[in-house]
Structures are given as structure tokens and as C-alpha cells.
Amino acid sequence: MKETILQKASEMFLTLGYKSVTMDDIATEMGISKKTIYQHYANKNELVEASTVYLFEKISAGIDEICSIGLNSIEEIFTIRNYMMKNLHDETTAPLFQLQKFFPQIFSVLRSRQFTKMHGCMMENIARGVKDGLFRGDIDIEFVTRIYFTGLSGLKDNDIFPTAMFEPNKVTKQFIEYHLRAISTEKGMEILKNALEKY
């Protein structure tokens, strides 16, 4: 039951937001009593924290699986992006904004874990891309990795990129294209053009 509650709560948090969804909402959606939820999670804060860990680990496992396939660096970035959009409900900004505003400590821990995961993946991705001749050999891999994370995080700032003006799915693709055009060789650009059509 604990796992079922966690899965349902995580789904609702992603769709409606961490603040918007109440324990009553989760109980009603599942057809159980609120008391049943409290038997497994002492309070909402504990459930929110468990949800962020659950989602992070689920996404991380999916990314690891994609990285093991052996795609070239450019296709790997697009494949990971599509996987994340699918599993994070198109990465709408409301849940993340609510997590940051109302559960700042949980948000801070999550962001740190996200950076560590992304940093490792992108360092390997870019180094391989350079080795394969898809990315320029003169780039500062550490800098590019960090600016990539900063850029993706910035896209989720609703003050800068309001969803009324910027559709999350489209703007993420635009950012990835912007990033890859900046570091790709002519060989990489050919693969990028094909990837933009494919994805």
C-alpha cells in the first residue's frame, strides 16, 4: 500500500503541484481514508520528500538505461529529453515552483542531486562527443556541462519563460538545439539536423 500511495501521490503532485494536492485529495483519488495514508507517511512533508526521491530515482534509472544503449552523443541528449518530458508530464513549471516555494529544503536537496546526476552524464556525453568528432575539441567541458544545467533550470523559471508564451516541450527543444549548435563540428551538425527532424 505504501508504494501505491507514493506512486499515486507522485503522479498527482506532478500534474497539479506539490502545494495544490492535499492529503484529502490523494485519499479521495485512491478511495481510501486519510488515516491509511498517515499509517505510512507521518505528514505531507514526509510524503513530498519521498515523492521527490521516488521520481528522481525513477528518472535516473531511465537515463542510465538510455546511456547504456550506445547512441551517439547528440541522439542521446534528445532521447533523454524525450524520456524526461514523457515521465515528468512535459515538465510544467507549476509543480517545481510550488516545491521551491513551499518545500525549500526538499527542493534544495533535489536540485543538488539533479546537478550531480546531470553533471556526470553530461561530462561523459560531451567527452565522448569530442572523441567521436561530433563536438569541437577546444571546448571547456566542465563549463559547458554547468552552463547546460543552468540553462535547463532557467527554462523552468515561470517569470522568465511564462508558459503562456513558451510551451515547455518546444522551448526545451530550442534550448538543446542552441546548446548543440554552439559546440558541434560540421560532422555533428549533420547529425543534429537529422535529430531535429527525427525528434
C-alpha atoms as a PDB file:
ATOM      1  CA  MET A   1       0.000   0.000   0.000  1.00  0.00           C
ATOM      2  CA  LYS A   2       2.838   2.387   0.849  1.00  0.00           C
ATOM      3  CA  GLU A   3       4.284   2.084  -2.660  1.00  0.00           C
ATOM      4  CA  THR A   4       0.844   2.539  -4.237  1.00  0.00           C
ATOM      5  CA  ILE A   5       0.247   5.698  -2.215  1.00  0.00           C
ATOM      6  CA  LEU A   6       3.664   7.020  -3.236  1.00  0.00           C
ATOM      7  CA  GLN A   7       3.040   6.354  -6.916  1.00  0.00           C
ATOM      8  CA  LYS A   8      -0.397   7.986  -6.912  1.00  0.00           C
ATOM      9  CA  ALA A   9       0.775  10.974  -4.865  1.00  0.00           C
ATOM     10  CA  SER A  10       3.755  11.498  -7.169  1.00  0.00           C
ATOM     11  CA  GLU A  11       1.507  11.418 -10.215  1.00  0.00           C
ATOM     12  CA  MET A  12      -0.847  13.973  -8.666  1.00  0.00           C
ATOM     13  CA  PHE A  13       1.978  16.224  -7.470  1.00  0.00           C
ATOM     14  CA  LEU A  14       3.445  16.308 -10.976  1.00  0.00           C
ATOM     15  CA  THR A  15       0.103  17.089 -12.548  1.00  0.00           C
ATOM     16  CA  LEU A  16      -1.334  19.593 -10.072  1.00  0.00           C
ATOM     17  CA  GLY A  17       1.563  20.760  -7.914  1.00  0.00           C
ATOM     18  CA  TYR A  18       3.042  19.888  -4.541  1.00  0.00           C
ATOM     19  CA  LYS A  19       1.124  22.589  -2.671  1.00  0.00           C
ATOM     20  CA  SER A  20      -2.173  22.200  -4.530  1.00  0.00           C
ATOM     21  CA  VAL A  21      -2.610  18.494  -3.771  1.00  0.00           C
ATOM     22  CA  THR A  22      -3.794  17.763  -0.231  1.00  0.00           C
ATOM     23  CA  MET A  23      -3.750  14.509   1.694  1.00  0.00           C
ATOM     24  CA  ASP A  24      -7.550  14.512   1.363  1.00  0.00           C
ATOM     25  CA  ASP A  25      -7.205  14.746  -2.422  1.00  0.00           C
ATOM     26  CA  ILE A  26      -4.903  11.738  -2.507  1.00  0.00           C
ATOM     27  CA  ALA A  27      -7.181   9.714  -0.222  1.00  0.00           C
ATOM     28  CA  THR A  28     -10.245  10.575  -2.323  1.00  0.00           C
ATOM     29  CA  GLU A  29      -8.473   9.748  -5.582  1.00  0.00           C
ATOM     30  CA  MET A  30      -7.390   6.367  -4.211  1.00  0.00           C
ATOM     31  CA  GLY A  31     -10.685   5.575  -2.479  1.00  0.00           C
ATOM     32  CA  ILE A  32      -9.018   5.132   0.892  1.00  0.00           C
ATOM     33  CA  SER A  33      -9.152   7.015   4.186  1.00  0.00           C
ATOM     34  CA  LYS A  34      -6.670   9.744   5.047  1.00  0.00           C
ATOM     35  CA  LYS A  35      -5.826   7.680   8.125  1.00  0.00           C
ATOM     36  CA  THR A  36      -4.469   4.946   5.863  1.00  0.00           C
ATOM     37  CA  ILE A  37      -2.030   7.413   4.292  1.00  0.00           C
ATOM     38  CA  TYR A  38      -0.886   8.577   7.727  1.00  0.00           C
ATOM     39  CA  GLN A  39      -0.143   4.981   8.692  1.00  0.00           C
ATOM     40  CA  HIS A  40       2.643   5.072   6.097  1.00  0.00           C
ATOM     41  CA  TYR A  41       3.578   8.766   5.966  1.00  0.00           C
ATOM     42  CA  ALA A  42       3.540  10.860   9.159  1.00  0.00           C
ATOM     43  CA  ASN A  43       2.702  14.097   7.345  1.00  0.00           C
ATOM     44  CA  LYS A  44       2.565  15.711   3.924  1.00  0.00           C
ATOM     45  CA  ASN A  45       6.158  16.925   4.147  1.00  0.00           C
ATOM     46  CA  GLU A  46       7.333  13.330   4.512  1.00  0.00           C
ATOM     47  CA  LEU A  47       5.231  12.255   1.532  1.00  0.00           C
ATOM     48  CA  VAL A  48       6.511  15.123  -0.633  1.00  0.00           C
ATOM     49  CA  GLU A  49      10.097  14.229   0.246  1.00  0.00           C
ATOM     50  CA  ALA A  50       9.500  10.548  -0.529  1.00  0.00           C
ATOM     51  CA  SER A  51       7.878  11.550  -3.817  1.00  0.00           C
ATOM     52  CA  THR A  52      10.858  13.618  -4.962  1.00  0.00           C
ATOM     53  CA  VAL A  53      13.236  10.759  -4.124  1.00  0.00           C
ATOM     54  CA  TYR A  54      11.000   8.259  -5.916  1.00  0.00           C
ATOM     55  CA  LEU A  55      10.740  10.392  -9.058  1.00  0.00           C
ATOM     56  CA  PHE A  56      14.452  11.219  -9.064  1.00  0.00           C
ATOM     57  CA  GLU A  57      15.452   7.569  -8.790  1.00  0.00           C
ATOM     58  CA  LYS A  58      12.948   6.530 -11.446  1.00  0.00           C
ATOM     59  CA  ILE A  59      14.216   9.177 -13.884  1.00  0.00           C
ATOM     60  CA  SER A  60      17.859   8.400 -13.062  1.00  0.00           C
ATOM     61  CA  ALA A  61      17.347   4.701 -13.799  1.00  0.00           C
ATOM     62  CA  GLY A  62      15.751   5.567 -17.138  1.00  0.00           C
ATOM     63  CA  ILE A  63      18.636   7.861 -18.049  1.00  0.00           C
ATOM     64  CA  ASP A  64      21.175   5.165 -17.143  1.00  0.00           C
ATOM     65  CA  GLU A  65      19.331   2.732 -19.395  1.00  0.00           C
ATOM     66  CA  ILE A  66      19.390   5.211 -22.306  1.00  0.00           C
ATOM     67  CA  CYS A  67      23.115   5.868 -21.778  1.00  0.00           C
ATOM     68  CA  SER A  68      23.817   2.115 -21.955  1.00  0.00           C
ATOM     69  CA  ILE A  69      22.265   1.778 -25.425  1.00  0.00           C
ATOM     70  CA  GLY A  70      25.280   3.234 -27.244  1.00  0.00           C
ATOM     71  CA  LEU A  71      23.690   6.152 -29.089  1.00  0.00           C
ATOM     72  CA  ASN A  72      25.914   8.944 -30.360  1.00  0.00           C
ATOM     73  CA  SER A  73      26.148  11.951 -28.040  1.00  0.00           C
ATOM     74  CA  ILE A  74      23.635  14.088 -29.930  1.00  0.00           C
ATOM     75  CA  GLU A  75      20.929  11.439 -30.245  1.00  0.00           C
ATOM     76  CA  GLU A  76      21.473  10.514 -26.598  1.00  0.00           C
ATOM     77  CA  ILE A  77      20.666  14.085 -25.476  1.00  0.00           C
ATOM     78  CA  PHE A  78      17.441  14.135 -27.498  1.00  0.00           C
ATOM     79  CA  THR A  79      16.415  10.664 -26.311  1.00  0.00           C
ATOM     80  CA  ILE A  80      16.951  11.628 -22.666  1.00  0.00           C
ATOM     81  CA  ARG A  81      14.996  14.838 -23.223  1.00  0.00           C
ATOM     82  CA  ASN A  82      12.037  12.931 -24.706  1.00  0.00           C
ATOM     83  CA  TYR A  83      12.136  10.419 -21.849  1.00  0.00           C
ATOM     84  CA  MET A  84      12.091  13.175 -19.238  1.00  0.00           C
ATOM     85  CA  MET A  85       9.283  15.098 -20.933  1.00  0.00           C
ATOM     86  CA  LYS A  86       7.181  11.943 -21.036  1.00  0.00           C
ATOM     87  CA  ASN A  87       7.818  10.988 -17.416  1.00  0.00           C
ATOM     88  CA  LEU A  88       7.616  14.483 -15.930  1.00  0.00           C
ATOM     89  CA  HIS A  89       4.361  15.467 -17.655  1.00  0.00           C
ATOM     90  CA  ASP A  90       6.107  17.837 -20.098  1.00  0.00           C
ATOM     91  CA  GLU A  91       7.965  19.446 -17.192  1.00  0.00           C
ATOM     92  CA  THR A  92       5.300  22.004 -16.405  1.00  0.00           C
ATOM     93  CA  THR A  93       6.671  24.734 -14.156  1.00  0.00           C
ATOM     94  CA  ALA A  94       3.871  24.768 -11.543  1.00  0.00           C
ATOM     95  CA  PRO A  95       4.930  21.664  -9.535  1.00  0.00           C
ATOM     96  CA  LEU A  96       8.576  22.745  -9.438  1.00  0.00           C
ATOM     97  CA  PHE A  97       7.662  26.310  -8.487  1.00  0.00           C
ATOM     98  CA  GLN A  98       5.437  25.061  -5.666  1.00  0.00           C
ATOM     99  CA  LEU A  99       8.143  22.684  -4.465  1.00  0.00           C
ATOM    100  CA  GLN A 100      10.685  25.510  -4.381  1.00  0.00           C
ATOM    101  CA  LYS A 101       8.329  27.967  -2.661  1.00  0.00           C
ATOM    102  CA  PHE A 102       6.601  25.771  -0.109  1.00  0.00           C
ATOM    103  CA  PHE A 103       9.169  22.992   0.447  1.00  0.00           C
ATOM    104  CA  PRO A 104      12.500  24.824   0.007  1.00  0.00           C
ATOM    105  CA  GLN A 105      14.628  22.338   1.918  1.00  0.00           C
ATOM    106  CA  ILE A 106      13.340  19.391  -0.121  1.00  0.00           C
ATOM    107  CA  PHE A 107      13.804  21.423  -3.312  1.00  0.00           C
ATOM    108  CA  SER A 108      17.401  22.247  -2.389  1.00  0.00           C
ATOM    109  CA  VAL A 109      18.288  18.598  -1.796  1.00  0.00           C
ATOM    110  CA  LEU A 110      16.588  17.556  -5.034  1.00  0.00           C
ATOM    111  CA  ARG A 111      18.372  20.246  -7.063  1.00  0.00           C
ATOM    112  CA  SER A 112      21.724  19.143  -5.662  1.00  0.00           C
ATOM    113  CA  ARG A 113      21.035  15.529  -6.600  1.00  0.00           C
ATOM    114  CA  GLN A 114      19.846  16.580 -10.061  1.00  0.00           C
ATOM    115  CA  PHE A 115      23.027  18.539 -10.657  1.00  0.00           C
ATOM    116  CA  THR A 116      25.254  15.677  -9.532  1.00  0.00           C
ATOM    117  CA  LYS A 117      23.438  13.247 -11.830  1.00  0.00           C
ATOM    118  CA  MET A 118      23.321  15.586 -14.820  1.00  0.00           C
ATOM    119  CA  HIS A 119      26.934  16.675 -14.340  1.00  0.00           C
ATOM    120  CA  GLY A 120      28.210  13.110 -14.503  1.00  0.00           C
ATOM    121  CA  CYS A 121      26.072  12.223 -17.531  1.00  0.00           C
ATOM    122  CA  MET A 122      26.930  15.365 -19.496  1.00  0.00           C
ATOM    123  CA  MET A 123      30.656  15.201 -18.749  1.00  0.00           C
ATOM    124  CA  GLU A 124      30.704  11.701 -20.223  1.00  0.00           C
ATOM    125  CA  ASN A 125      28.406  12.663 -23.104  1.00  0.00           C
ATOM    126  CA  ILE A 126      30.453  15.681 -24.179  1.00  0.00           C
ATOM    127  CA  ALA A 127      33.818  13.938 -23.767  1.00  0.00           C
ATOM    128  CA  ARG A 128      32.558  11.097 -25.975  1.00  0.00           C
ATOM    129  CA  GLY A 129      31.201  13.604 -28.486  1.00  0.00           C
ATOM    130  CA  VAL A 130      34.600  15.291 -28.699  1.00  0.00           C
ATOM    131  CA  LYS A 131      36.320  11.915 -29.120  1.00  0.00           C
ATOM    132  CA  ASP A 132      33.883  10.947 -31.909  1.00  0.00           C
ATOM    133  CA  GLY A 133      34.417  14.259 -33.702  1.00  0.00           C
ATOM    134  CA  LEU A 134      30.852  15.485 -33.148  1.00  0.00           C
ATOM    135  CA  PHE A 135      31.831  18.261 -30.722  1.00  0.00           C
ATOM    136  CA  ARG A 136      34.691  20.732 -31.000  1.00  0.00           C
ATOM    137  CA  GLY A 137      37.920  19.719 -29.319  1.00  0.00           C
ATOM    138  CA  ASP A 138      38.572  23.192 -27.926  1.00  0.00           C
ATOM    139  CA  ILE A 139      35.525  23.432 -25.660  1.00  0.00           C
ATOM    140  CA  ASP A 140      35.788  23.591 -21.873  1.00  0.00           C
ATOM    141  CA  ILE A 141      33.769  20.510 -20.951  1.00  0.00           C
ATOM    142  CA  GLU A 142      33.327  21.495 -17.303  1.00  0.00           C
ATOM    143  CA  PHE A 143      32.000  24.932 -18.260  1.00  0.00           C
ATOM    144  CA  VAL A 144      29.681  23.598 -20.966  1.00  0.00           C
ATOM    145  CA  THR A 145      28.264  20.981 -18.589  1.00  0.00           C
ATOM    146  CA  ARG A 146      27.477  23.564 -15.926  1.00  0.00           C
ATOM    147  CA  ILE A 147      26.024  26.128 -18.339  1.00  0.00           C
ATOM    148  CA  TYR A 148      23.802  23.390 -19.790  1.00  0.00           C
ATOM    149  CA  PHE A 149      22.368  22.605 -16.347  1.00  0.00           C
ATOM    150  CA  THR A 150      21.927  26.317 -15.620  1.00  0.00           C
ATOM    151  CA  GLY A 151      20.117  26.827 -18.921  1.00  0.00           C
ATOM    152  CA  LEU A 152      17.732  23.912 -18.458  1.00  0.00           C
ATOM    153  CA  SER A 153      16.974  25.058 -14.917  1.00  0.00           C
ATOM    154  CA  GLY A 154      16.331  28.594 -16.160  1.00  0.00           C
ATOM    155  CA  LEU A 155      13.727  27.363 -18.627  1.00  0.00           C
ATOM    156  CA  LYS A 156      11.598  26.310 -15.649  1.00  0.00           C
ATOM    157  CA  ASP A 157      11.536  29.831 -14.227  1.00  0.00           C
ATOM    158  CA  ASN A 158       7.980  30.924 -14.981  1.00  0.00           C
ATOM    159  CA  ASP A 159       8.878  34.603 -14.518  1.00  0.00           C
ATOM    160  CA  ILE A 160      11.430  34.407 -17.331  1.00  0.00           C
ATOM    161  CA  PHE A 161       9.700  31.809 -19.502  1.00  0.00           C
ATOM    162  CA  PRO A 162       5.954  32.065 -18.748  1.00  0.00           C
ATOM    163  CA  THR A 163       4.077  29.057 -20.096  1.00  0.00           C
ATOM    164  CA  ALA A 164       1.574  31.401 -21.757  1.00  0.00           C
ATOM    165  CA  MET A 165       4.392  32.474 -24.079  1.00  0.00           C
ATOM    166  CA  PHE A 166       6.707  29.454 -24.096  1.00  0.00           C
ATOM    167  CA  GLU A 167       5.378  25.917 -24.431  1.00  0.00           C
ATOM    168  CA  PRO A 168       7.706  23.705 -22.290  1.00  0.00           C
ATOM    169  CA  ASN A 169       8.164  20.949 -24.861  1.00  0.00           C
ATOM    170  CA  LYS A 170       9.066  23.386 -27.639  1.00  0.00           C
ATOM    171  CA  VAL A 171      11.321  25.661 -25.603  1.00  0.00           C
ATOM    172  CA  THR A 172      13.327  22.697 -24.266  1.00  0.00           C
ATOM    173  CA  LYS A 173      13.967  21.513 -27.818  1.00  0.00           C
ATOM    174  CA  GLN A 174      15.004  25.033 -28.813  1.00  0.00           C
ATOM    175  CA  PHE A 175      17.454  25.209 -25.932  1.00  0.00           C
ATOM    176  CA  ILE A 176      19.022  21.846 -26.801  1.00  0.00           C
ATOM    177  CA  GLU A 177      19.436  22.975 -30.415  1.00  0.00           C
ATOM    178  CA  TYR A 178      21.001  26.236 -29.194  1.00  0.00           C
ATOM    179  CA  HIS A 179      23.389  24.268 -26.956  1.00  0.00           C
ATOM    180  CA  LEU A 180      24.393  21.742 -29.599  1.00  0.00           C
ATOM    181  CA  ARG A 181      24.922  24.304 -32.367  1.00  0.00           C
ATOM    182  CA  ALA A 182      27.393  26.070 -30.087  1.00  0.00           C
ATOM    183  CA  ILE A 183      29.628  23.015 -29.588  1.00  0.00           C
ATOM    184  CA  SER A 184      29.138  20.855 -32.698  1.00  0.00           C
ATOM    185  CA  THR A 185      31.596  20.281 -35.536  1.00  0.00           C
ATOM    186  CA  GLU A 186      30.434  20.050 -39.157  1.00  0.00           C
ATOM    187  CA  LYS A 187      30.063  16.298 -38.649  1.00  0.00           C
ATOM    188  CA  GLY A 188      27.998  16.934 -35.542  1.00  0.00           C
ATOM    189  CA  MET A 189      25.839  19.488 -37.338  1.00  0.00           C
ATOM    190  CA  GLU A 190      24.778  16.890 -39.886  1.00  0.00           C
ATOM    191  CA  ILE A 191      23.664  14.546 -37.117  1.00  0.00           C
ATOM    192  CA  LEU A 192      21.950  17.451 -35.344  1.00  0.00           C
ATOM    193  CA  LYS A 193      19.916  18.330 -38.447  1.00  0.00           C
ATOM    194  CA  ASN A 194      18.716  14.729 -38.718  1.00  0.00           C
ATOM    195  CA  ALA A 195      17.967  14.596 -34.982  1.00  0.00           C
ATOM    196  CA  LEU A 196      15.896  17.792 -35.137  1.00  0.00           C
ATOM    197  CA  GLU A 197      13.725  16.204 -37.829  1.00  0.00           C
ATOM    198  CA  LYS A 198      13.542  12.849 -36.052  1.00  0.00           C
ATOM    199  CA  TYR A 199      12.726  14.177 -32.583  1.00  0.00           C
END
